[in-house]
Protein backbone atom coordinates (compact mmCIF):
# COMPACT_ATOMS: atom_id res chain seq x y z
CA MET A 1 -16.19 69.51 -15.58
CA THR A 2 -15.55 67.52 -12.36
CA GLN A 3 -12.56 65.57 -11.33
CA PHE A 4 -14.23 62.24 -12.53
CA ASP A 5 -14.90 63.47 -15.89
CA SER A 6 -10.95 64.44 -16.54
CA ALA A 7 -9.65 61.95 -14.99
CA GLU A 8 -11.68 59.59 -17.09
CA ARG A 9 -10.54 61.64 -20.22
CA HIS A 10 -6.99 61.19 -19.02
CA LEU A 11 -7.32 57.63 -18.85
CA ASN A 12 -8.88 57.01 -22.00
CA ILE A 13 -11.91 54.62 -20.42
CA GLU A 14 -14.89 54.58 -21.87
CA SER A 15 -17.91 54.31 -19.65
CA PRO A 16 -19.40 50.52 -19.72
CA ASP A 17 -22.73 50.17 -21.45
CA PRO A 18 -24.99 48.06 -18.70
CA VAL A 19 -26.58 46.31 -21.51
CA ALA A 20 -23.87 45.04 -23.18
CA TRP A 21 -22.21 43.82 -19.86
CA ILE A 22 -25.11 42.22 -19.24
CA ALA A 23 -25.54 40.52 -22.44
CA ASP A 24 -22.37 39.63 -22.47
CA ALA A 25 -21.88 37.65 -19.35
CA PRO A 26 -21.52 34.14 -18.81
CA VAL A 27 -24.99 32.43 -17.76
CA ALA A 28 -24.10 29.44 -15.58
CA ASP A 29 -26.54 26.38 -17.19
CA GLU A 30 -26.86 24.87 -13.88
CA ALA A 31 -28.10 27.92 -11.72
CA LEU A 32 -31.77 27.39 -12.57
CA PRO A 33 -32.52 23.63 -13.00
CA THR A 34 -35.29 23.45 -15.59
CA ALA A 35 -37.90 21.10 -15.78
CA GLU A 36 -36.50 19.24 -18.00
CA GLY A 37 -33.39 18.96 -16.61
CA LYS A 38 -35.43 17.45 -13.32
CA ARG A 39 -36.91 14.76 -15.71
CA HIS A 40 -33.32 13.97 -16.65
CA ARG A 41 -32.23 13.21 -13.21
CA ILE A 42 -35.27 11.21 -12.48
CA ARG A 43 -35.18 9.08 -15.24
CA VAL A 44 -31.17 7.88 -14.62
CA GLN A 45 -32.10 6.83 -11.08
CA PRO A 46 -32.40 3.33 -10.55
CA ASP A 47 -34.87 3.21 -8.46
CA PHE A 48 -36.98 4.75 -10.97
CA VAL A 49 -36.34 2.94 -13.82
CA LEU A 50 -37.04 -0.24 -11.62
CA ALA A 51 -40.52 0.79 -10.98
CA VAL A 52 -41.03 1.66 -14.23
CA VAL A 53 -40.31 -2.01 -15.25
CA ILE A 54 -42.08 -3.75 -12.15
CA LEU A 55 -45.48 -1.51 -12.69
CA THR A 56 -44.88 -1.70 -16.84
CA LEU A 57 -44.76 -5.52 -16.66
CA VAL A 58 -47.65 -5.59 -14.33
CA LEU A 59 -50.41 -3.42 -16.46
CA LEU A 60 -49.07 -5.49 -19.57
CA TRP A 61 -49.88 -9.02 -17.09
CA ALA A 62 -53.52 -7.11 -16.70
CA ALA A 63 -53.66 -6.09 -20.25
CA ILE A 64 -52.91 -9.52 -22.42
CA PRO A 65 -52.44 -12.39 -19.66
CA GLY A 66 -52.42 -14.69 -22.00
CA LEU A 67 -48.99 -13.62 -24.05
CA PHE A 68 -47.08 -14.43 -20.35
CA THR A 69 -48.90 -17.75 -19.40
CA ALA A 70 -50.37 -20.73 -21.12
CA TYR A 71 -51.77 -22.11 -17.91
CA ASP A 72 -55.56 -22.06 -16.54
CA PRO A 73 -55.91 -19.98 -13.56
CA ILE A 74 -59.03 -21.53 -12.54
CA GLN A 75 -58.65 -24.88 -13.49
CA GLY A 76 -56.54 -27.17 -11.67
CA GLN A 77 -54.02 -30.20 -13.03
CA ALA A 78 -54.43 -33.91 -11.48
CA GLY A 79 -51.53 -34.70 -9.43
CA GLN A 80 -49.37 -31.57 -9.89
CA GLN A 81 -50.98 -30.22 -5.57
CA LEU A 82 -48.40 -28.19 -4.36
CA LYS A 83 -45.74 -28.20 -6.08
CA PRO A 84 -42.58 -25.89 -5.53
CA PRO A 85 -41.44 -23.13 -7.61
CA GLY A 86 -39.65 -24.65 -10.87
CA SER A 87 -38.71 -25.42 -14.40
CA ALA A 88 -42.27 -26.66 -14.90
CA HIS A 89 -44.68 -24.36 -12.60
CA LEU A 90 -42.61 -21.32 -12.29
CA LEU A 91 -44.10 -19.96 -9.11
CA GLY A 92 -45.34 -23.68 -7.84
CA THR A 93 -48.98 -24.87 -7.79
CA ASP A 94 -51.62 -24.42 -5.10
CA SER A 95 -53.42 -27.19 -3.30
CA LEU A 96 -55.62 -27.62 -6.00
CA GLY A 97 -53.08 -28.22 -8.83
CA ARG A 98 -53.30 -24.37 -10.18
CA ASP A 99 -50.24 -22.87 -11.86
CA LEU A 100 -49.83 -19.68 -9.33
CA TYR A 101 -47.74 -17.66 -11.80
CA ALA A 102 -50.87 -17.96 -13.67
CA ARG A 103 -53.14 -16.94 -11.15
CA LEU A 104 -50.89 -13.69 -10.07
CA VAL A 105 -50.59 -12.83 -13.57
CA HIS A 106 -54.44 -13.15 -14.30
CA GLY A 107 -55.38 -12.03 -10.65
CA SER A 108 -53.52 -8.77 -11.84
CA VAL A 109 -56.62 -7.54 -13.63
CA HIS A 110 -59.06 -7.36 -10.87
CA THR A 111 -56.51 -5.73 -8.21
CA LEU A 112 -55.28 -2.91 -10.51
CA SER A 113 -58.91 -2.42 -12.18
CA GLY A 114 -60.28 -2.22 -8.58
CA ALA A 115 -57.45 0.15 -7.50
CA LEU A 116 -57.81 1.91 -10.59
CA ALA A 117 -61.68 2.41 -10.35
CA ALA A 118 -61.50 3.49 -6.67
CA VAL A 119 -59.12 6.45 -7.36
CA ALA A 120 -61.21 7.72 -10.51
CA MET A 121 -64.21 7.75 -8.17
CA GLY A 122 -62.49 9.35 -5.23
CA ILE A 123 -61.11 11.81 -8.01
CA ALA A 124 -64.34 12.82 -9.39
CA ILE A 125 -66.35 12.99 -6.28
CA GLY A 126 -63.80 14.74 -4.30
CA THR A 127 -62.72 17.36 -7.13
CA ALA A 128 -66.15 18.38 -7.24
CA LEU A 129 -66.89 18.53 -3.75
CA GLY A 130 -63.56 20.29 -3.04
CA LEU A 131 -63.84 22.59 -5.72
CA LEU A 132 -67.61 24.06 -4.88
CA ALA A 133 -66.37 24.48 -1.12
CA GLY A 134 -63.37 26.34 -2.19
CA SER A 135 -64.97 28.52 -4.92
CA LEU A 136 -68.44 29.39 -2.61
CA GLY A 137 -66.68 29.62 0.67
CA GLY A 138 -68.59 30.53 3.27
CA PHE A 139 -71.81 28.26 4.68
CA VAL A 140 -71.34 25.78 2.04
CA ASP A 141 -67.60 25.53 2.54
CA GLY A 142 -68.22 25.01 6.27
CA VAL A 143 -70.51 22.02 5.72
CA ILE A 144 -68.52 20.22 2.77
CA MET A 145 -65.20 20.70 4.74
CA ARG A 146 -67.40 19.28 8.26
CA LEU A 147 -68.89 16.10 6.16
CA MET A 148 -65.06 15.60 4.87
CA ASP A 149 -63.65 15.81 8.33
CA VAL A 150 -66.26 13.04 9.52
CA LEU A 151 -65.30 10.91 6.58
CA LEU A 152 -61.14 11.16 7.74
CA SER A 153 -62.04 10.82 11.60
CA ILE A 154 -63.16 7.12 10.78
CA PRO A 155 -60.60 4.49 9.97
CA ALA A 156 -60.29 3.51 6.28
CA LEU A 157 -60.45 -0.27 6.59
CA LEU A 158 -63.50 0.36 9.03
CA LEU A 159 -65.49 2.67 6.96
CA SER A 160 -64.81 0.13 3.68
CA LEU A 161 -65.64 -2.63 5.20
CA SER A 162 -69.07 -1.02 6.42
CA ILE A 163 -69.82 0.07 3.04
CA ILE A 164 -68.93 -3.67 1.63
CA ILE A 165 -71.46 -5.23 4.31
CA LEU A 166 -74.12 -2.76 2.89
CA LEU A 167 -73.46 -3.23 -0.32
CA GLY A 168 -72.60 -6.85 -0.57
CA PHE A 169 -69.39 -8.32 -1.40
CA GLY A 170 -67.37 -8.48 -4.70
CA THR A 171 -64.67 -6.68 -6.71
CA THR A 172 -67.25 -3.74 -8.27
CA ASN A 173 -68.51 -3.19 -4.65
CA ALA A 174 -64.77 -3.08 -2.85
CA ALA A 175 -63.71 -0.43 -5.07
CA ILE A 176 -66.60 1.50 -4.44
CA ALA A 177 -65.91 1.26 -0.79
CA VAL A 178 -62.40 1.99 -1.19
CA GLY A 179 -63.23 5.26 -3.29
CA VAL A 180 -65.04 6.36 -0.62
CA THR A 181 -62.55 6.59 1.78
CA SER A 182 -60.13 8.54 -0.53
CA ILE A 183 -63.10 11.32 -1.45
CA ALA A 184 -62.07 13.16 1.58
CA SER A 185 -58.44 13.82 0.99
CA PHE A 186 -59.06 14.62 -2.80
CA ALA A 187 -61.83 17.35 -1.39
CA ARG A 188 -59.39 18.77 0.82
CA ILE A 189 -56.44 18.99 -1.43
CA VAL A 190 -58.50 20.42 -4.22
CA ARG A 191 -60.08 22.40 -1.97
CA SER A 192 -56.97 24.20 -0.38
CA GLU A 193 -55.76 24.81 -4.34
CA VAL A 194 -59.29 26.30 -5.36
CA VAL A 195 -58.36 28.96 -2.34
CA THR A 196 -54.95 30.01 -3.40
CA VAL A 197 -55.95 30.28 -7.14
CA ARG A 198 -59.24 32.01 -7.05
CA ARG A 199 -56.56 34.93 -5.28
CA SER A 200 -54.68 34.79 -8.31
CA GLU A 201 -54.31 38.22 -10.66
CA TYR A 202 -55.15 36.28 -13.34
CA VAL A 203 -58.70 35.02 -12.08
CA GLU A 204 -59.08 38.21 -11.30
CA ALA A 205 -58.38 39.65 -14.67
CA ALA A 206 -60.80 36.58 -15.90
CA PHE A 207 -63.98 38.24 -13.77
CA GLY A 208 -62.89 42.30 -14.98
CA SER A 209 -63.15 41.06 -18.33
CA GLY A 210 -66.99 39.79 -18.26
CA ALA A 211 -66.41 35.91 -17.75
CA THR A 212 -68.85 34.28 -15.67
CA PHE A 213 -68.27 32.47 -12.35
CA LEU A 214 -68.81 28.87 -14.02
CA LYS A 215 -66.83 29.54 -17.15
CA VAL A 216 -63.83 31.35 -14.74
CA LEU A 217 -63.96 27.83 -12.69
CA TRP A 218 -63.86 25.74 -15.75
CA ARG A 219 -60.83 27.29 -17.55
CA HIS A 220 -59.37 28.87 -15.09
CA VAL A 221 -59.96 27.84 -11.26
CA LEU A 222 -60.13 23.96 -12.17
CA PRO A 223 -56.95 23.31 -14.60
CA ASN A 224 -54.52 25.22 -12.07
CA SER A 225 -55.91 23.49 -9.32
CA LEU A 226 -54.75 20.04 -10.18
CA THR A 227 -51.12 19.99 -10.10
CA SER A 228 -51.31 18.49 -6.76
CA VAL A 229 -53.83 16.04 -7.67
CA ILE A 230 -52.05 14.20 -9.90
CA ALA A 231 -48.90 13.18 -7.83
CA PHE A 232 -51.51 12.45 -5.11
CA ALA A 233 -53.61 10.31 -6.99
CA ALA A 234 -50.66 8.24 -8.45
CA LEU A 235 -49.90 7.56 -4.32
CA GLN A 236 -53.27 6.71 -3.65
CA VAL A 237 -52.97 3.83 -6.49
CA GLY A 238 -50.69 2.31 -4.35
CA SER A 239 -53.31 2.50 -0.79
CA ALA A 240 -56.07 1.18 -2.76
CA ILE A 241 -54.25 -1.94 -4.13
CA LEU A 242 -53.29 -2.37 -0.45
CA GLN A 243 -57.36 -1.79 1.22
CA LEU A 244 -58.12 -4.07 -1.74
CA SER A 245 -55.85 -6.66 -0.88
CA THR A 246 -56.95 -6.55 2.78
CA LEU A 247 -60.40 -6.76 1.52
CA GLY A 248 -59.67 -9.85 -0.18
CA PHE A 249 -57.62 -11.22 2.37
CA LEU A 250 -60.45 -10.82 4.88
CA GLY A 251 -62.95 -12.60 2.41
CA TYR A 252 -64.98 -9.34 1.42
CA GLY A 253 -63.34 -8.90 -1.84
CA ALA A 254 -63.95 -11.13 -4.90
CA PRO A 255 -65.52 -14.28 -4.30
CA PRO A 256 -63.71 -17.69 -5.41
CA PRO A 257 -62.05 -19.27 -7.41
CA THR A 258 -61.14 -15.65 -8.15
CA PRO A 259 -57.49 -15.12 -8.75
CA GLU A 260 -57.51 -11.73 -6.94
CA TRP A 261 -54.19 -11.02 -4.77
CA GLY A 262 -55.24 -10.38 -1.46
CA LEU A 263 -57.67 -13.79 -1.92
CA LEU A 264 -54.46 -15.78 -3.02
CA ILE A 265 -52.46 -14.48 0.20
CA ALA A 266 -55.51 -15.91 2.46
CA GLU A 267 -55.57 -19.33 0.67
CA GLY A 268 -52.08 -19.73 1.03
CA ARG A 269 -52.09 -19.19 4.40
CA ASN A 270 -53.14 -22.49 5.73
CA TYR A 271 -50.37 -24.06 4.12
CA ILE A 272 -47.50 -21.33 4.85
CA ALA A 273 -45.64 -24.22 6.62
CA THR A 274 -45.42 -26.77 3.77
CA ALA A 275 -46.20 -24.49 0.74
CA TRP A 276 -44.44 -20.96 1.46
CA TRP A 277 -44.61 -19.97 -1.76
CA LEU A 278 -48.53 -19.54 -2.18
CA THR A 279 -47.90 -16.25 0.55
CA ALA A 280 -45.13 -15.25 -0.37
CA ALA A 281 -45.60 -14.54 -4.58
CA PRO A 282 -48.60 -12.09 -4.05
CA GLY A 283 -47.40 -10.55 -1.01
CA ILE A 284 -44.05 -9.74 -2.53
CA ALA A 285 -45.98 -8.90 -5.69
CA VAL A 286 -48.19 -6.32 -4.03
CA VAL A 287 -45.14 -4.94 -1.87
CA LEU A 288 -43.41 -4.37 -5.41
CA VAL A 289 -46.27 -2.88 -7.21
CA VAL A 290 -46.85 -0.51 -4.05
CA LEU A 291 -43.39 0.62 -3.90
CA SER A 292 -43.28 0.99 -7.46
CA VAL A 293 -46.38 3.64 -7.59
CA ASN A 294 -44.91 5.25 -4.71
CA ARG A 295 -41.61 5.99 -6.18
CA ILE A 296 -43.63 7.02 -9.59
CA SER A 297 -45.66 9.20 -7.26
CA GLN A 298 -42.43 10.61 -5.66
CA ALA A 299 -40.74 11.60 -9.04
CA ILE A 300 -43.92 13.32 -10.35
CA GLY A 301 -44.35 15.67 -7.38
CA LYS A 302 -40.60 16.26 -7.94
CA VAL A 303 -41.18 17.18 -11.53
CA GLN A 304 -43.79 19.67 -10.78
CA ARG A 305 -42.38 21.35 -7.93
C-alpha cells in the first residue's frame, strides 16, 4: 500500500468518477452558438428587419401591382402633367401626366424579373462549368478557368453592352447580357468549393463503395459545394438590378413606354431642375432594394458560417 492509498483511506476520500463528474458539470449555454441562435440575433436586428420589409413590399409590387395602385402606368391624364407629389398622386406625375407611383410599382416586374433571370442564368452555367473544372482538373480545368479569367478581365458594363449590341435591345436581351457577366464569378466559386469537397473523406468513401463518378458528383460533391453560392447569388441579385438599371438609363434596356426603373430615371433627367421627383423616386427605389438585398445576403452568409 502506497502513501497515497493510506492517506486516502485515513481521510475517507472517495476517488472521483470521471464520467459522473463530467455529466454533473454545468454546461454553458453561450459556449457554442448554434445556428438557431445566430438566426435569432439576425431577426432582431432593425436593419435586417427593414431590409426584409422593403424587399417583401417590392416583391408584392411585382406580383400584384393592381393591389397597390389603380392608375394606368402607360396612359397619361390630360391636365396632370408634372404635378408634384401630393394626395392625388403620391409621387407626382411625369411630363405626359402618368402617375409616377403607378409606373414605379408596375416597373418592379421588369426590373426584378430581369435581375432574377440574369442570376439564374449565371448560376446554371457557372455552376456547370465550375463543377466540370473542379472535378476533372488538369487540362479541362486549365482551359475553363482561363476562359473565366478572360471574362473577368472585361468590365461588366462593357461586356453587357457588347452582348446587347449583338442581340438587340429589350428586357430579355439585357437580362441575358447581365447573366453572361456573372458566369465567371459563379464558376470560380463553385470550382474552389468542388476542389475542397472532392478531397473529403466521405467522397473517398463513396468512390470506395463502388459509386460511379457522376453519382458521386450529383449526390455528394454538388450539394456540398453550393453553400457559398447561395449567399453570393443573393448578393448578385443586387448587382444585377444595378446593371439592368444602368442599361435602361443608357437606352439599351426596355423600350419606352415600358416603366422600367432605369428608363424612369432617364426620362426624368431632363426635368431634374423643375420636377426633381421624376429621378429621385426611382433612384431611391433602386438604392433601397439593392441595399436590402445586400443586407439579406450578408445575413445568409453569417448563418452559413
